[in-house]
């Protein structure tokens, strides 16, 4: 089953906690400063 749900993930000291429920998770990190911005997308698999 594929579930798509977007939510903000809180950071603590630039770290986040992976979900406990098994599955594949896609993260998109976006940062903006002054006149520039950047984004990075990655996946993790929780077993």
Protein backbone atom coordinates (compact mmCIF):
# COMPACT_ATOMS: atom_id res chain seq x y z
CA UNK A 1 0.00 0.00 0.00
CA UNK A 2 1.30 3.45 -0.89
CA UNK A 3 0.36 6.33 1.37
CA UNK A 4 1.32 9.85 0.49
CA UNK A 5 1.29 12.39 3.26
CA UNK A 6 3.38 15.49 3.68
CA UNK A 7 4.26 16.91 7.06
CA UNK A 8 6.94 19.06 8.60
CA UNK A 9 9.52 17.13 10.59
CA UNK A 10 11.03 18.95 13.58
CA UNK A 11 14.80 19.28 13.83
CA UNK A 12 16.75 19.27 17.08
CA UNK A 13 20.38 20.38 16.74
CA UNK A 14 20.06 19.78 12.96
CA UNK A 15 18.93 16.16 13.52
CA UNK A 16 15.60 14.39 13.15
CA UNK A 17 14.30 11.07 14.44
CA UNK A 18 13.38 8.42 11.88
CA UNK A 19 9.85 6.99 12.06
CA UNK A 20 9.36 3.76 14.01
CA UNK A 21 6.84 2.26 11.60
CA UNK A 22 8.44 0.12 8.85
CA UNK A 23 8.31 1.57 5.36
CA UNK A 24 10.06 3.78 2.84
CA UNK A 25 10.08 7.50 3.61
CA UNK A 26 10.99 10.35 1.27
CA UNK A 27 12.38 13.57 2.72
CA UNK A 28 12.83 16.89 0.98
CA UNK A 29 15.06 19.39 2.76
CA UNK A 30 14.79 23.01 1.68
CA UNK A 31 16.93 25.90 2.89
CA UNK A 32 16.91 29.58 2.03
CA UNK A 33 19.39 32.28 2.96
CA UNK A 34 19.97 35.78 1.61
CA UNK A 35 19.48 35.53 -2.17
CA UNK A 36 20.09 31.78 -2.49
CA UNK A 37 18.24 28.56 -1.77
CA UNK A 38 18.86 24.83 -2.05
CA UNK A 39 16.95 21.58 -1.75
CA UNK A 40 17.95 17.96 -1.27
CA UNK A 41 15.70 14.90 -1.52
CA UNK A 42 16.54 11.52 -0.02
CA UNK A 43 14.81 8.33 1.06
CA UNK A 44 15.21 6.06 4.06
CA UNK A 45 13.83 2.58 4.64
CA UNK A 46 12.78 1.62 8.15
CA UNK A 47 12.72 -2.15 8.66
